[in-house]
ModelCIF file with pLDDT and N, C-alpha, C, O atoms, coordinates in Angstrom:
data_MODEL
#
_entry.id   MODEL 
#
_entity.id                         1 
_entity.type                       polymer 
_entity.pdbx_number_of_molecules   1 
#
_entity_poly.entity_id                      1 
_entity_poly.type                           'polypeptide(L)' 
_entity_poly.nstd_linkage                   no 
_entity_poly.nstd_monomer                   no 
_entity_poly.pdbx_seq_one_letter_code       
;(UNK)(UNK)(UNK)(UNK)(UNK)(UNK)(UNK)(UNK)(UNK)(UNK)(UNK)(UNK)(UNK)(UNK)(UNK)(UNK)
(UNK)(UNK)(UNK)(UNK)(UNK)(UNK)(UNK)(UNK)(UNK)(UNK)(UNK)(UNK)(UNK)(UNK)(UNK)(UNK)
(UNK)(UNK)(UNK)(UNK)(UNK)(UNK)(UNK)(UNK)(UNK)(UNK)(UNK)(UNK)(UNK)(UNK)(UNK)(UNK)
;
_entity_poly.pdbx_seq_one_letter_code_can   XXXXXXXXXXXXXXXXXXXXXXXXXXXXXXXXXXXXXXXXXXXXXXXX 
_entity_poly.pdbx_strand_id                 A 
#
loop_
_entity_poly_seq.entity_id 
_entity_poly_seq.num 
_entity_poly_seq.mon_id 
_entity_poly_seq.hetero 
1 1  UNK n 
1 2  UNK n 
1 3  UNK n 
1 4  UNK n 
1 5  UNK n 
1 6  UNK n 
1 7  UNK n 
1 8  UNK n 
1 9  UNK n 
1 10 UNK n 
1 11 UNK n 
1 12 UNK n 
1 13 UNK n 
1 14 UNK n 
1 15 UNK n 
1 16 UNK n 
1 17 UNK n 
1 18 UNK n 
1 19 UNK n 
1 20 UNK n 
1 21 UNK n 
1 22 UNK n 
1 23 UNK n 
1 24 UNK n 
1 25 UNK n 
1 26 UNK n 
1 27 UNK n 
1 28 UNK n 
1 29 UNK n 
1 30 UNK n 
1 31 UNK n 
1 32 UNK n 
1 33 UNK n 
1 34 UNK n 
1 35 UNK n 
1 36 UNK n 
1 37 UNK n 
1 38 UNK n 
1 39 UNK n 
1 40 UNK n 
1 41 UNK n 
1 42 UNK n 
1 43 UNK n 
1 44 UNK n 
1 45 UNK n 
1 46 UNK n 
1 47 UNK n 
1 48 UNK n 
#
_struct_asym.id          A 
_struct_asym.entity_id   1 
#
loop_
_ma_qa_metric.id 
_ma_qa_metric.mode 
_ma_qa_metric.name 
_ma_qa_metric.software_group_id 
_ma_qa_metric.type 
1 global pLDDT . pLDDT 
2 local  pLDDT . pLDDT 
#
_ma_qa_metric_global.metric_id      1 
_ma_qa_metric_global.metric_value   92.35 
_ma_qa_metric_global.model_id       1 
_ma_qa_metric_global.ordinal_id     1 
#
loop_
_ma_qa_metric_local.label_asym_id 
_ma_qa_metric_local.label_comp_id 
_ma_qa_metric_local.label_seq_id 
_ma_qa_metric_local.metric_id 
_ma_qa_metric_local.metric_value 
_ma_qa_metric_local.model_id 
_ma_qa_metric_local.ordinal_id 
A UNK 1  2 95.00 1 1  
A UNK 2  2 96.00 1 2  
A UNK 3  2 96.00 1 3  
A UNK 4  2 95.00 1 4  
A UNK 5  2 93.00 1 5  
A UNK 6  2 92.00 1 6  
A UNK 7  2 94.00 1 7  
A UNK 8  2 92.00 1 8  
A UNK 9  2 94.00 1 9  
A UNK 10 2 94.00 1 10 
A UNK 11 2 92.00 1 11 
A UNK 12 2 91.00 1 12 
A UNK 13 2 88.00 1 13 
A UNK 14 2 87.00 1 14 
A UNK 15 2 90.00 1 15 
A UNK 16 2 90.00 1 16 
A UNK 17 2 89.00 1 17 
A UNK 18 2 85.00 1 18 
A UNK 19 2 88.00 1 19 
A UNK 20 2 93.00 1 20 
A UNK 21 2 94.00 1 21 
A UNK 22 2 95.00 1 22 
A UNK 23 2 95.00 1 23 
A UNK 24 2 95.00 1 24 
A UNK 25 2 94.00 1 25 
A UNK 26 2 94.00 1 26 
A UNK 27 2 94.00 1 27 
A UNK 28 2 94.00 1 28 
A UNK 29 2 94.00 1 29 
A UNK 30 2 95.00 1 30 
A UNK 31 2 96.00 1 31 
A UNK 32 2 96.00 1 32 
A UNK 33 2 96.00 1 33 
A UNK 34 2 96.00 1 34 
A UNK 35 2 95.00 1 35 
A UNK 36 2 90.00 1 36 
A UNK 37 2 87.00 1 37 
A UNK 38 2 91.00 1 38 
A UNK 39 2 89.00 1 39 
A UNK 40 2 90.00 1 40 
A UNK 41 2 86.00 1 41 
A UNK 42 2 88.00 1 42 
A UNK 43 2 90.00 1 43 
A UNK 44 2 94.00 1 44 
A UNK 45 2 93.00 1 45 
A UNK 46 2 94.00 1 46 
A UNK 47 2 93.00 1 47 
A UNK 48 2 91.00 1 48 
#
loop_
_atom_site.group_PDB 
_atom_site.id 
_atom_site.type_symbol 
_atom_site.label_atom_id 
_atom_site.label_alt_id 
_atom_site.label_comp_id 
_atom_site.label_asym_id 
_atom_site.label_entity_id 
_atom_site.label_seq_id 
_atom_site.pdbx_PDB_ins_code 
_atom_site.Cartn_x 
_atom_site.Cartn_y 
_atom_site.Cartn_z 
_atom_site.occupancy 
_atom_site.B_iso_or_equiv 
_atom_site.pdbx_formal_charge 
_atom_site.auth_seq_id 
_atom_site.auth_comp_id 
_atom_site.auth_asym_id 
_atom_site.auth_atom_id 
_atom_site.pdbx_PDB_model_num 
ATOM 1   N N  . UNK A 1 1  ? 10.586 -22.141 -175.425 1.00 95.00 ? 1  UNK A N  1 
ATOM 2   C CA . UNK A 1 1  ? 9.483  -21.574 -174.546 1.00 95.00 ? 1  UNK A CA 1 
ATOM 3   C C  . UNK A 1 1  ? 9.024  -22.513 -173.688 1.00 95.00 ? 1  UNK A C  1 
ATOM 4   O O  . UNK A 1 1  ? 8.036  -23.181 -173.993 1.00 95.00 ? 1  UNK A O  1 
ATOM 5   N N  . UNK A 1 2  ? 9.664  -22.687 -172.524 1.00 96.00 ? 2  UNK A N  1 
ATOM 6   C CA . UNK A 1 2  ? 9.347  -23.799 -171.780 1.00 96.00 ? 2  UNK A CA 1 
ATOM 7   C C  . UNK A 1 2  ? 8.033  -23.596 -170.855 1.00 96.00 ? 2  UNK A C  1 
ATOM 8   O O  . UNK A 1 2  ? 7.806  -22.425 -170.550 1.00 96.00 ? 2  UNK A O  1 
ATOM 9   N N  . UNK A 1 3  ? 7.453  -24.233 -170.540 1.00 96.00 ? 3  UNK A N  1 
ATOM 10  C CA . UNK A 1 3  ? 5.936  -24.313 -170.108 1.00 96.00 ? 3  UNK A CA 1 
ATOM 11  C C  . UNK A 1 3  ? 6.071  -25.038 -169.040 1.00 96.00 ? 3  UNK A C  1 
ATOM 12  O O  . UNK A 1 3  ? 5.401  -24.548 -168.131 1.00 96.00 ? 3  UNK A O  1 
ATOM 13  N N  . UNK A 1 4  ? 6.722  -26.143 -168.668 1.00 95.00 ? 4  UNK A N  1 
ATOM 14  C CA . UNK A 1 4  ? 6.911  -26.813 -167.215 1.00 95.00 ? 4  UNK A CA 1 
ATOM 15  C C  . UNK A 1 4  ? 8.235  -27.086 -167.117 1.00 95.00 ? 4  UNK A C  1 
ATOM 16  O O  . UNK A 1 4  ? 8.974  -27.474 -168.022 1.00 95.00 ? 4  UNK A O  1 
ATOM 17  N N  . UNK A 1 5  ? 8.527  -26.853 -165.895 1.00 93.00 ? 5  UNK A N  1 
ATOM 18  C CA . UNK A 1 5  ? 10.050 -26.791 -165.222 1.00 93.00 ? 5  UNK A CA 1 
ATOM 19  C C  . UNK A 1 5  ? 10.119 -28.186 -164.288 1.00 93.00 ? 5  UNK A C  1 
ATOM 20  O O  . UNK A 1 5  ? 11.013 -28.260 -163.445 1.00 93.00 ? 5  UNK A O  1 
ATOM 21  N N  . UNK A 1 6  ? 9.198  -29.253 -164.442 1.00 92.00 ? 6  UNK A N  1 
ATOM 22  C CA . UNK A 1 6  ? 9.130  -30.359 -163.660 1.00 92.00 ? 6  UNK A CA 1 
ATOM 23  C C  . UNK A 1 6  ? 7.983  -31.094 -164.178 1.00 92.00 ? 6  UNK A C  1 
ATOM 24  O O  . UNK A 1 6  ? 6.988  -30.556 -164.664 1.00 92.00 ? 6  UNK A O  1 
ATOM 25  N N  . UNK A 1 7  ? 8.182  -32.444 -164.044 1.00 94.00 ? 7  UNK A N  1 
ATOM 26  C CA . UNK A 1 7  ? 7.045  -33.132 -164.131 1.00 94.00 ? 7  UNK A CA 1 
ATOM 27  C C  . UNK A 1 7  ? 6.576  -34.428 -163.303 1.00 94.00 ? 7  UNK A C  1 
ATOM 28  O O  . UNK A 1 7  ? 7.396  -35.326 -163.111 1.00 94.00 ? 7  UNK A O  1 
ATOM 29  N N  . UNK A 1 8  ? 5.243  -34.536 -162.802 1.00 92.00 ? 8  UNK A N  1 
ATOM 30  C CA . UNK A 1 8  ? 5.093  -35.519 -161.869 1.00 92.00 ? 8  UNK A CA 1 
ATOM 31  C C  . UNK A 1 8  ? 5.127  -36.914 -162.566 1.00 92.00 ? 8  UNK A C  1 
ATOM 32  O O  . UNK A 1 8  ? 4.529  -37.149 -163.616 1.00 92.00 ? 8  UNK A O  1 
ATOM 33  N N  . UNK A 1 9  ? 5.995  -37.948 -161.782 1.00 94.00 ? 9  UNK A N  1 
ATOM 34  C CA . UNK A 1 9  ? 6.089  -39.368 -162.011 1.00 94.00 ? 9  UNK A CA 1 
ATOM 35  C C  . UNK A 1 9  ? 5.662  -40.052 -160.965 1.00 94.00 ? 9  UNK A C  1 
ATOM 36  O O  . UNK A 1 9  ? 5.810  -39.624 -159.820 1.00 94.00 ? 9  UNK A O  1 
ATOM 37  N N  . UNK A 1 10 ? 5.083  -41.197 -161.241 1.00 94.00 ? 10 UNK A N  1 
ATOM 38  C CA . UNK A 1 10 ? 4.866  -42.224 -160.275 1.00 94.00 ? 10 UNK A CA 1 
ATOM 39  C C  . UNK A 1 10 ? 5.256  -43.313 -160.480 1.00 94.00 ? 10 UNK A C  1 
ATOM 40  O O  . UNK A 1 10 ? 5.383  -43.726 -161.633 1.00 94.00 ? 10 UNK A O  1 
ATOM 41  N N  . UNK A 1 11 ? 5.546  -44.058 -159.404 1.00 92.00 ? 11 UNK A N  1 
ATOM 42  C CA . UNK A 1 11 ? 6.091  -45.007 -159.469 1.00 92.00 ? 11 UNK A CA 1 
ATOM 43  C C  . UNK A 1 11 ? 7.085  -45.522 -158.338 1.00 92.00 ? 11 UNK A C  1 
ATOM 44  O O  . UNK A 1 11 ? 7.330  -44.775 -157.391 1.00 92.00 ? 11 UNK A O  1 
ATOM 45  N N  . UNK A 1 12 ? 7.724  -46.920 -158.429 1.00 91.00 ? 12 UNK A N  1 
ATOM 46  C CA . UNK A 1 12 ? 8.611  -47.305 -156.953 1.00 91.00 ? 12 UNK A CA 1 
ATOM 47  C C  . UNK A 1 12 ? 9.704  -45.994 -156.749 1.00 91.00 ? 12 UNK A C  1 
ATOM 48  O O  . UNK A 1 12 ? 10.548 -45.635 -157.570 1.00 91.00 ? 12 UNK A O  1 
ATOM 49  N N  . UNK A 1 13 ? 9.415  -45.365 -155.341 1.00 88.00 ? 13 UNK A N  1 
ATOM 50  C CA . UNK A 1 13 ? 10.330 -44.709 -155.087 1.00 88.00 ? 13 UNK A CA 1 
ATOM 51  C C  . UNK A 1 13 ? 11.900 -44.666 -155.408 1.00 88.00 ? 13 UNK A C  1 
ATOM 52  O O  . UNK A 1 13 ? 12.453 -43.675 -155.885 1.00 88.00 ? 13 UNK A O  1 
ATOM 53  N N  . UNK A 1 14 ? 12.570 -45.907 -155.074 1.00 87.00 ? 14 UNK A N  1 
ATOM 54  C CA . UNK A 1 14 ? 13.854 -46.228 -155.640 1.00 87.00 ? 14 UNK A CA 1 
ATOM 55  C C  . UNK A 1 14 ? 14.138 -46.111 -157.154 1.00 87.00 ? 14 UNK A C  1 
ATOM 56  O O  . UNK A 1 14 ? 15.287 -45.910 -157.549 1.00 87.00 ? 14 UNK A O  1 
ATOM 57  N N  . UNK A 1 15 ? 13.179 -46.226 -157.934 1.00 90.00 ? 15 UNK A N  1 
ATOM 58  C CA . UNK A 1 15 ? 13.064 -46.327 -159.307 1.00 90.00 ? 15 UNK A CA 1 
ATOM 59  C C  . UNK A 1 15 ? 13.105 -44.547 -159.957 1.00 90.00 ? 15 UNK A C  1 
ATOM 60  O O  . UNK A 1 15 ? 13.802 -44.113 -160.874 1.00 90.00 ? 15 UNK A O  1 
ATOM 61  N N  . UNK A 1 16 ? 12.210 -43.885 -159.193 1.00 90.00 ? 16 UNK A N  1 
ATOM 62  C CA . UNK A 1 16 ? 12.254 -42.472 -159.858 1.00 90.00 ? 16 UNK A CA 1 
ATOM 63  C C  . UNK A 1 16 ? 13.412 -41.771 -160.063 1.00 90.00 ? 16 UNK A C  1 
ATOM 64  O O  . UNK A 1 16 ? 14.238 -42.035 -159.189 1.00 90.00 ? 16 UNK A O  1 
ATOM 65  N N  . UNK A 1 17 ? 13.795 -40.981 -160.875 1.00 89.00 ? 17 UNK A N  1 
ATOM 66  C CA . UNK A 1 17 ? 15.268 -40.472 -160.716 1.00 89.00 ? 17 UNK A CA 1 
ATOM 67  C C  . UNK A 1 17 ? 14.949 -38.963 -159.576 1.00 89.00 ? 17 UNK A C  1 
ATOM 68  O O  . UNK A 1 17 ? 13.915 -38.660 -158.980 1.00 89.00 ? 17 UNK A O  1 
ATOM 69  N N  . UNK A 1 18 ? 15.995 -38.421 -159.607 1.00 85.00 ? 18 UNK A N  1 
ATOM 70  C CA . UNK A 1 18 ? 16.387 -37.438 -158.907 1.00 85.00 ? 18 UNK A CA 1 
ATOM 71  C C  . UNK A 1 18 ? 15.961 -35.812 -159.829 1.00 85.00 ? 18 UNK A C  1 
ATOM 72  O O  . UNK A 1 18 ? 15.704 -34.628 -159.612 1.00 85.00 ? 18 UNK A O  1 
ATOM 73  N N  . UNK A 1 19 ? 16.086 -36.580 -160.690 1.00 88.00 ? 19 UNK A N  1 
ATOM 74  C CA . UNK A 1 19 ? 15.935 -34.939 -161.972 1.00 88.00 ? 19 UNK A CA 1 
ATOM 75  C C  . UNK A 1 19 ? 16.030 -35.913 -163.698 1.00 88.00 ? 19 UNK A C  1 
ATOM 76  O O  . UNK A 1 19 ? 16.757 -36.873 -163.954 1.00 88.00 ? 19 UNK A O  1 
ATOM 77  N N  . UNK A 1 20 ? 14.954 -35.171 -164.678 1.00 93.00 ? 20 UNK A N  1 
ATOM 78  C CA . UNK A 1 20 ? 14.916 -35.604 -165.688 1.00 93.00 ? 20 UNK A CA 1 
ATOM 79  C C  . UNK A 1 20 ? 15.969 -34.684 -166.580 1.00 93.00 ? 20 UNK A C  1 
ATOM 80  O O  . UNK A 1 20 ? 16.086 -33.499 -166.268 1.00 93.00 ? 20 UNK A O  1 
ATOM 81  N N  . UNK A 1 21 ? 16.906 -35.339 -167.936 1.00 94.00 ? 21 UNK A N  1 
ATOM 82  C CA . UNK A 1 21 ? 17.250 -34.344 -168.892 1.00 94.00 ? 21 UNK A CA 1 
ATOM 83  C C  . UNK A 1 21 ? 16.810 -34.631 -169.879 1.00 94.00 ? 21 UNK A C  1 
ATOM 84  O O  . UNK A 1 21 ? 16.647 -35.771 -170.313 1.00 94.00 ? 21 UNK A O  1 
ATOM 85  N N  . UNK A 1 22 ? 16.486 -33.367 -170.506 1.00 95.00 ? 22 UNK A N  1 
ATOM 86  C CA . UNK A 1 22 ? 15.889 -33.425 -171.777 1.00 95.00 ? 22 UNK A CA 1 
ATOM 87  C C  . UNK A 1 22 ? 17.022 -32.547 -172.829 1.00 95.00 ? 22 UNK A C  1 
ATOM 88  O O  . UNK A 1 22 ? 17.564 -31.463 -172.612 1.00 95.00 ? 22 UNK A O  1 
ATOM 89  N N  . UNK A 1 23 ? 17.137 -33.423 -173.982 1.00 95.00 ? 23 UNK A N  1 
ATOM 90  C CA . UNK A 1 23 ? 18.156 -32.552 -175.123 1.00 95.00 ? 23 UNK A CA 1 
ATOM 91  C C  . UNK A 1 23 ? 17.208 -32.084 -175.947 1.00 95.00 ? 23 UNK A C  1 
ATOM 92  O O  . UNK A 1 23 ? 16.229 -32.623 -176.464 1.00 95.00 ? 23 UNK A O  1 
ATOM 93  N N  . UNK A 1 24 ? 17.779 -30.674 -176.003 1.00 95.00 ? 24 UNK A N  1 
ATOM 94  C CA . UNK A 1 24 ? 16.764 -30.056 -177.104 1.00 95.00 ? 24 UNK A CA 1 
ATOM 95  C C  . UNK A 1 24 ? 17.502 -29.760 -178.469 1.00 95.00 ? 24 UNK A C  1 
ATOM 96  O O  . UNK A 1 24 ? 16.992 -29.294 -179.487 1.00 95.00 ? 24 UNK A O  1 
ATOM 97  N N  . UNK A 1 25 ? 19.019 -30.192 -178.234 1.00 94.00 ? 25 UNK A N  1 
ATOM 98  C CA . UNK A 1 25 ? 20.075 -29.488 -179.327 1.00 94.00 ? 25 UNK A CA 1 
ATOM 99  C C  . UNK A 1 25 ? 19.862 -29.495 -180.872 1.00 94.00 ? 25 UNK A C  1 
ATOM 100 O O  . UNK A 1 25 ? 20.343 -28.704 -181.683 1.00 94.00 ? 25 UNK A O  1 
ATOM 101 N N  . UNK A 1 26 ? 18.716 -30.975 -181.197 1.00 94.00 ? 26 UNK A N  1 
ATOM 102 C CA . UNK A 1 26 ? 18.501 -30.858 -182.424 1.00 94.00 ? 26 UNK A CA 1 
ATOM 103 C C  . UNK A 1 26 ? 17.237 -30.326 -182.818 1.00 94.00 ? 26 UNK A C  1 
ATOM 104 O O  . UNK A 1 26 ? 17.005 -30.280 -184.026 1.00 94.00 ? 26 UNK A O  1 
ATOM 105 N N  . UNK A 1 27 ? 16.388 -29.923 -182.021 1.00 94.00 ? 27 UNK A N  1 
ATOM 106 C CA . UNK A 1 27 ? 15.207 -29.755 -182.483 1.00 94.00 ? 27 UNK A CA 1 
ATOM 107 C C  . UNK A 1 27 ? 14.767 -28.493 -183.380 1.00 94.00 ? 27 UNK A C  1 
ATOM 108 O O  . UNK A 1 27 ? 15.448 -27.467 -183.385 1.00 94.00 ? 27 UNK A O  1 
ATOM 109 N N  . UNK A 1 28 ? 13.701 -28.616 -184.068 1.00 94.00 ? 28 UNK A N  1 
ATOM 110 C CA . UNK A 1 28 ? 13.498 -27.479 -185.182 1.00 94.00 ? 28 UNK A CA 1 
ATOM 111 C C  . UNK A 1 28 ? 12.562 -26.679 -184.561 1.00 94.00 ? 28 UNK A C  1 
ATOM 112 O O  . UNK A 1 28 ? 12.092 -26.884 -183.442 1.00 94.00 ? 28 UNK A O  1 
ATOM 113 N N  . UNK A 1 29 ? 12.196 -25.412 -185.587 1.00 94.00 ? 29 UNK A N  1 
ATOM 114 C CA . UNK A 1 29 ? 11.181 -24.519 -185.323 1.00 94.00 ? 29 UNK A CA 1 
ATOM 115 C C  . UNK A 1 29 ? 9.742  -25.181 -185.036 1.00 94.00 ? 29 UNK A C  1 
ATOM 116 O O  . UNK A 1 29 ? 9.599  -26.112 -185.829 1.00 94.00 ? 29 UNK A O  1 
ATOM 117 N N  . UNK A 1 30 ? 8.715  -25.056 -184.260 1.00 95.00 ? 30 UNK A N  1 
ATOM 118 C CA . UNK A 1 30 ? 7.795  -25.633 -183.667 1.00 95.00 ? 30 UNK A CA 1 
ATOM 119 C C  . UNK A 1 30 ? 7.542  -26.884 -183.319 1.00 95.00 ? 30 UNK A C  1 
ATOM 120 O O  . UNK A 1 30 ? 6.407  -27.361 -183.329 1.00 95.00 ? 30 UNK A O  1 
ATOM 121 N N  . UNK A 1 31 ? 8.956  -27.731 -182.863 1.00 96.00 ? 31 UNK A N  1 
ATOM 122 C CA . UNK A 1 31 ? 8.918  -28.598 -181.895 1.00 96.00 ? 31 UNK A CA 1 
ATOM 123 C C  . UNK A 1 31 ? 8.431  -28.171 -180.971 1.00 96.00 ? 31 UNK A C  1 
ATOM 124 O O  . UNK A 1 31 ? 8.328  -27.023 -180.539 1.00 96.00 ? 31 UNK A O  1 
ATOM 125 N N  . UNK A 1 32 ? 7.870  -29.812 -180.381 1.00 96.00 ? 32 UNK A N  1 
ATOM 126 C CA . UNK A 1 32 ? 7.417  -30.004 -179.024 1.00 96.00 ? 32 UNK A CA 1 
ATOM 127 C C  . UNK A 1 32 ? 7.836  -30.965 -178.315 1.00 96.00 ? 32 UNK A C  1 
ATOM 128 O O  . UNK A 1 32 ? 7.925  -32.079 -178.831 1.00 96.00 ? 32 UNK A O  1 
ATOM 129 N N  . UNK A 1 33 ? 8.229  -30.739 -176.828 1.00 96.00 ? 33 UNK A N  1 
ATOM 130 C CA . UNK A 1 33 ? 8.666  -31.370 -176.135 1.00 96.00 ? 33 UNK A CA 1 
ATOM 131 C C  . UNK A 1 33 ? 7.513  -32.056 -175.343 1.00 96.00 ? 33 UNK A C  1 
ATOM 132 O O  . UNK A 1 33 ? 7.094  -31.185 -174.580 1.00 96.00 ? 33 UNK A O  1 
ATOM 133 N N  . UNK A 1 34 ? 6.810  -33.185 -175.161 1.00 96.00 ? 34 UNK A N  1 
ATOM 134 C CA . UNK A 1 34 ? 5.766  -33.668 -174.714 1.00 96.00 ? 34 UNK A CA 1 
ATOM 135 C C  . UNK A 1 34 ? 6.513  -34.614 -173.546 1.00 96.00 ? 34 UNK A C  1 
ATOM 136 O O  . UNK A 1 34 ? 7.682  -34.991 -173.464 1.00 96.00 ? 34 UNK A O  1 
ATOM 137 N N  . UNK A 1 35 ? 5.268  -34.859 -172.613 1.00 95.00 ? 35 UNK A N  1 
ATOM 138 C CA . UNK A 1 35 ? 5.902  -35.836 -171.555 1.00 95.00 ? 35 UNK A CA 1 
ATOM 139 C C  . UNK A 1 35 ? 5.667  -37.047 -171.726 1.00 95.00 ? 35 UNK A C  1 
ATOM 140 O O  . UNK A 1 35 ? 6.040  -37.939 -170.965 1.00 95.00 ? 35 UNK A O  1 
ATOM 141 N N  . UNK A 1 36 ? 4.803  -37.245 -173.094 1.00 90.00 ? 36 UNK A N  1 
ATOM 142 C CA . UNK A 1 36 ? 4.677  -38.679 -173.395 1.00 90.00 ? 36 UNK A CA 1 
ATOM 143 C C  . UNK A 1 36 ? 6.187  -39.201 -174.062 1.00 90.00 ? 36 UNK A C  1 
ATOM 144 O O  . UNK A 1 36 ? 6.523  -40.334 -174.408 1.00 90.00 ? 36 UNK A O  1 
ATOM 145 N N  . UNK A 1 37 ? 6.803  -38.153 -174.088 1.00 87.00 ? 37 UNK A N  1 
ATOM 146 C CA . UNK A 1 37 ? 8.331  -38.587 -175.131 1.00 87.00 ? 37 UNK A CA 1 
ATOM 147 C C  . UNK A 1 37 ? 9.246  -38.570 -174.115 1.00 87.00 ? 37 UNK A C  1 
ATOM 148 O O  . UNK A 1 37 ? 10.346 -38.697 -174.654 1.00 87.00 ? 37 UNK A O  1 
ATOM 149 N N  . UNK A 1 38 ? 9.354  -38.496 -173.133 1.00 91.00 ? 38 UNK A N  1 
ATOM 150 C CA . UNK A 1 38 ? 10.195 -38.885 -172.537 1.00 91.00 ? 38 UNK A CA 1 
ATOM 151 C C  . UNK A 1 38 ? 10.645 -40.287 -171.930 1.00 91.00 ? 38 UNK A C  1 
ATOM 152 O O  . UNK A 1 38 ? 9.735  -40.959 -171.445 1.00 91.00 ? 38 UNK A O  1 
ATOM 153 N N  . UNK A 1 39 ? 12.108 -40.882 -171.891 1.00 89.00 ? 39 UNK A N  1 
ATOM 154 C CA . UNK A 1 39 ? 12.265 -41.339 -171.914 1.00 89.00 ? 39 UNK A CA 1 
ATOM 155 C C  . UNK A 1 39 ? 12.073 -42.312 -170.591 1.00 89.00 ? 39 UNK A C  1 
ATOM 156 O O  . UNK A 1 39 ? 13.256 -42.610 -170.424 1.00 89.00 ? 39 UNK A O  1 
ATOM 157 N N  . UNK A 1 40 ? 11.433 -42.930 -169.650 1.00 90.00 ? 40 UNK A N  1 
ATOM 158 C CA . UNK A 1 40 ? 11.884 -43.377 -168.016 1.00 90.00 ? 40 UNK A CA 1 
ATOM 159 C C  . UNK A 1 40 ? 11.751 -45.061 -168.218 1.00 90.00 ? 40 UNK A C  1 
ATOM 160 O O  . UNK A 1 40 ? 11.497 -45.883 -169.097 1.00 90.00 ? 40 UNK A O  1 
ATOM 161 N N  . UNK A 1 41 ? 12.090 -44.990 -166.838 1.00 86.00 ? 41 UNK A N  1 
ATOM 162 C CA . UNK A 1 41 ? 12.578 -46.320 -166.702 1.00 86.00 ? 41 UNK A CA 1 
ATOM 163 C C  . UNK A 1 41 ? 11.474 -47.348 -166.743 1.00 86.00 ? 41 UNK A C  1 
ATOM 164 O O  . UNK A 1 41 ? 10.319 -46.925 -166.787 1.00 86.00 ? 41 UNK A O  1 
ATOM 165 N N  . UNK A 1 42 ? 11.671 -48.512 -166.735 1.00 88.00 ? 42 UNK A N  1 
ATOM 166 C CA . UNK A 1 42 ? 10.719 -49.592 -166.791 1.00 88.00 ? 42 UNK A CA 1 
ATOM 167 C C  . UNK A 1 42 ? 9.757  -49.466 -165.188 1.00 88.00 ? 42 UNK A C  1 
ATOM 168 O O  . UNK A 1 42 ? 10.542 -49.539 -164.242 1.00 88.00 ? 42 UNK A O  1 
ATOM 169 N N  . UNK A 1 43 ? 8.525  -49.327 -164.812 1.00 90.00 ? 43 UNK A N  1 
ATOM 170 C CA . UNK A 1 43 ? 8.037  -49.437 -163.773 1.00 90.00 ? 43 UNK A CA 1 
ATOM 171 C C  . UNK A 1 43 ? 7.932  -47.767 -163.167 1.00 90.00 ? 43 UNK A C  1 
ATOM 172 O O  . UNK A 1 43 ? 7.559  -47.452 -162.037 1.00 90.00 ? 43 UNK A O  1 
ATOM 173 N N  . UNK A 1 44 ? 8.397  -46.777 -164.329 1.00 94.00 ? 44 UNK A N  1 
ATOM 174 C CA . UNK A 1 44 ? 7.912  -45.325 -163.685 1.00 94.00 ? 44 UNK A CA 1 
ATOM 175 C C  . UNK A 1 44 ? 7.403  -44.800 -164.841 1.00 94.00 ? 44 UNK A C  1 
ATOM 176 O O  . UNK A 1 44 ? 7.835  -45.044 -165.967 1.00 94.00 ? 44 UNK A O  1 
ATOM 177 N N  . UNK A 1 45 ? 6.349  -43.973 -164.529 1.00 93.00 ? 45 UNK A N  1 
ATOM 178 C CA . UNK A 1 45 ? 5.833  -43.293 -165.773 1.00 93.00 ? 45 UNK A CA 1 
ATOM 179 C C  . UNK A 1 45 ? 5.113  -41.809 -165.195 1.00 93.00 ? 45 UNK A C  1 
ATOM 180 O O  . UNK A 1 45 ? 5.247  -41.452 -164.025 1.00 93.00 ? 45 UNK A O  1 
ATOM 181 N N  . UNK A 1 46 ? 4.368  -41.053 -166.174 1.00 94.00 ? 46 UNK A N  1 
ATOM 182 C CA . UNK A 1 46 ? 3.689  -39.778 -165.971 1.00 94.00 ? 46 UNK A CA 1 
ATOM 183 C C  . UNK A 1 46 ? 2.699  -39.947 -165.120 1.00 94.00 ? 46 UNK A C  1 
ATOM 184 O O  . UNK A 1 46 ? 1.959  -40.895 -165.382 1.00 94.00 ? 46 UNK A O  1 
ATOM 185 N N  . UNK A 1 47 ? 2.445  -39.310 -164.157 1.00 93.00 ? 47 UNK A N  1 
ATOM 186 C CA . UNK A 1 47 ? 1.035  -39.425 -163.660 1.00 93.00 ? 47 UNK A CA 1 
ATOM 187 C C  . UNK A 1 47 ? -0.093 -38.831 -164.705 1.00 93.00 ? 47 UNK A C  1 
ATOM 188 O O  . UNK A 1 47 ? 0.084  -37.911 -165.504 1.00 93.00 ? 47 UNK A O  1 
ATOM 189 N N  . UNK A 1 48 ? -0.819 -39.289 -164.578 1.00 91.00 ? 48 UNK A N  1 
ATOM 190 C CA . UNK A 1 48 ? -1.917 -38.956 -164.963 1.00 91.00 ? 48 UNK A CA 1 
ATOM 191 C C  . UNK A 1 48 ? -2.732 -37.621 -165.322 1.00 91.00 ? 48 UNK A C  1 
ATOM 192 O O  . UNK A 1 48 ? -3.901 -37.695 -165.702 1.00 91.00 ? 48 UNK A O  1 
#
């Protein structure tokens, strides 16, 4: 059940990815995909 199709990131433009890939194949019933769990490059973070 997808709540968000994009995520607002902040950081240096040359470090921002063009897309974010999230693998959900090993998820179980009730598992959530949280913005804080997304692996990002150093210097890049989710906006407040």
